[in-house]
Structure formats: C-alpha cells, structure tokens
Amino acid sequence: MITYRQDDLWDELAYLAYHLHWDLDQLLDLGHRDRIRMVYAVADLNERAWERARA
C-alpha cells in the first residue's frame, strides 16, 4: 500500500473545498488520482482567469 502524507491530503482537500464549495465527504469520496486531476483542473481554470484579468 502506498502511504500518502496527511498534510498533502489536507492541502488538496482545502484547495478543492475552497474553490468548488464541496463538502468533506464529497472530496474524500474521490480517489487519489481523481482528486489530483481536479486540483490541476481548478489550478488551470484559476490561471486562465488571472490571465484574462491581467489583459
């Protein structure tokens, strides 16, 4: 079994909860790969929004 640092998990959960307004149970239901994919997708959306705001 692969161990996953608890601090990393909480960082991911906090980031997604803040941006998506999902509750903890919804976020914990995501598998690790799905959660990471969501983190990158939200980060990409944020970056594109900041790029448009700067233009």
C-alpha atoms as a PDB file:
ATOM      1  CA  MET A   1       0.000   0.000   0.000  1.00  0.00           C
ATOM      2  CA  ILE A   2       1.243   3.476  -0.859  1.00  0.00           C
ATOM      3  CA  THR A   3       1.267   5.924   2.013  1.00  0.00           C
ATOM      4  CA  TYR A   4       0.207   9.482   1.407  1.00  0.00           C
ATOM      5  CA  ARG A   5       1.308  12.364   3.573  1.00  0.00           C
ATOM      6  CA  GLN A   6      -1.584  13.631   5.656  1.00  0.00           C
ATOM      7  CA  ASP A   7      -0.541  17.272   5.148  1.00  0.00           C
ATOM      8  CA  ASP A   8      -0.640  16.825   1.372  1.00  0.00           C
ATOM      9  CA  LEU A   9      -4.109  15.321   1.552  1.00  0.00           C
ATOM     10  CA  TRP A  10      -5.417  18.181   3.685  1.00  0.00           C
ATOM     11  CA  ASP A  11      -3.854  20.747   1.326  1.00  0.00           C
ATOM     12  CA  GLU A  12      -5.673  19.146  -1.617  1.00  0.00           C
ATOM     13  CA  LEU A  13      -8.934  18.944   0.303  1.00  0.00           C
ATOM     14  CA  ALA A  14      -8.747  22.560   1.447  1.00  0.00           C
ATOM     15  CA  TYR A  15      -7.903  23.793  -2.051  1.00  0.00           C
ATOM     16  CA  LEU A  16     -10.799  21.949  -3.675  1.00  0.00           C
ATOM     17  CA  ALA A  17     -13.258  22.771  -0.895  1.00  0.00           C
ATOM     18  CA  TYR A  18     -12.393  26.460  -1.181  1.00  0.00           C
ATOM     19  CA  HIS A  19     -12.770  26.619  -4.951  1.00  0.00           C
ATOM     20  CA  LEU A  20     -15.555  24.100  -5.546  1.00  0.00           C
ATOM     21  CA  HIS A  21     -17.536  24.515  -2.312  1.00  0.00           C
ATOM     22  CA  TRP A  22     -17.803  20.745  -1.942  1.00  0.00           C
ATOM     23  CA  ASP A  23     -18.148  19.193   1.477  1.00  0.00           C
ATOM     24  CA  LEU A  24     -15.548  16.926   3.015  1.00  0.00           C
ATOM     25  CA  ASP A  25     -17.442  13.704   2.297  1.00  0.00           C
ATOM     26  CA  GLN A  26     -17.661  14.513  -1.418  1.00  0.00           C
ATOM     27  CA  LEU A  27     -13.949  15.245  -1.573  1.00  0.00           C
ATOM     28  CA  LEU A  28     -12.981  12.148   0.392  1.00  0.00           C
ATOM     29  CA  ASP A  29     -15.092  10.018  -1.957  1.00  0.00           C
ATOM     30  CA  LEU A  30     -12.735  10.954  -4.790  1.00  0.00           C
ATOM     31  CA  GLY A  31      -9.875   8.587  -5.407  1.00  0.00           C
ATOM     32  CA  HIS A  32      -6.356   9.970  -5.169  1.00  0.00           C
ATOM     33  CA  ARG A  33      -5.872  10.226  -8.936  1.00  0.00           C
ATOM     34  CA  ASP A  34      -9.241  11.896  -9.433  1.00  0.00           C
ATOM     35  CA  ARG A  35      -8.549  14.363  -6.635  1.00  0.00           C
ATOM     36  CA  ILE A  36      -5.150  15.275  -8.082  1.00  0.00           C
ATOM     37  CA  ARG A  37      -6.703  15.670 -11.523  1.00  0.00           C
ATOM     38  CA  MET A  38      -9.304  18.038 -10.040  1.00  0.00           C
ATOM     39  CA  VAL A  39      -6.578  20.050  -8.292  1.00  0.00           C
ATOM     40  CA  TYR A  40      -4.776  20.556 -11.607  1.00  0.00           C
ATOM     41  CA  ALA A  41      -8.007  21.368 -13.446  1.00  0.00           C
ATOM     42  CA  VAL A  42      -9.006  24.004 -10.880  1.00  0.00           C
ATOM     43  CA  ALA A  43      -5.483  25.456 -10.891  1.00  0.00           C
ATOM     44  CA  ASP A  44      -5.636  25.724 -14.689  1.00  0.00           C
ATOM     45  CA  LEU A  45      -9.010  27.479 -14.545  1.00  0.00           C
ATOM     46  CA  ASN A  46      -7.647  29.907 -11.946  1.00  0.00           C
ATOM     47  CA  GLU A  47      -4.578  30.657 -14.050  1.00  0.00           C
ATOM     48  CA  ARG A  48      -6.685  31.350 -17.144  1.00  0.00           C
ATOM     49  CA  ALA A  49      -8.972  33.637 -15.141  1.00  0.00           C
ATOM     50  CA  TRP A  50      -5.978  35.595 -13.826  1.00  0.00           C
ATOM     51  CA  GLU A  51      -4.558  35.876 -17.359  1.00  0.00           C
ATOM     52  CA  ARG A  52      -7.846  37.365 -18.602  1.00  0.00           C
ATOM     53  CA  ALA A  53      -7.995  39.722 -15.630  1.00  0.00           C
ATOM     54  CA  ARG A  54      -4.464  40.990 -16.365  1.00  0.00           C
ATOM     55  CA  ALA A  55      -5.240  41.657 -20.052  1.00  0.00           C
END
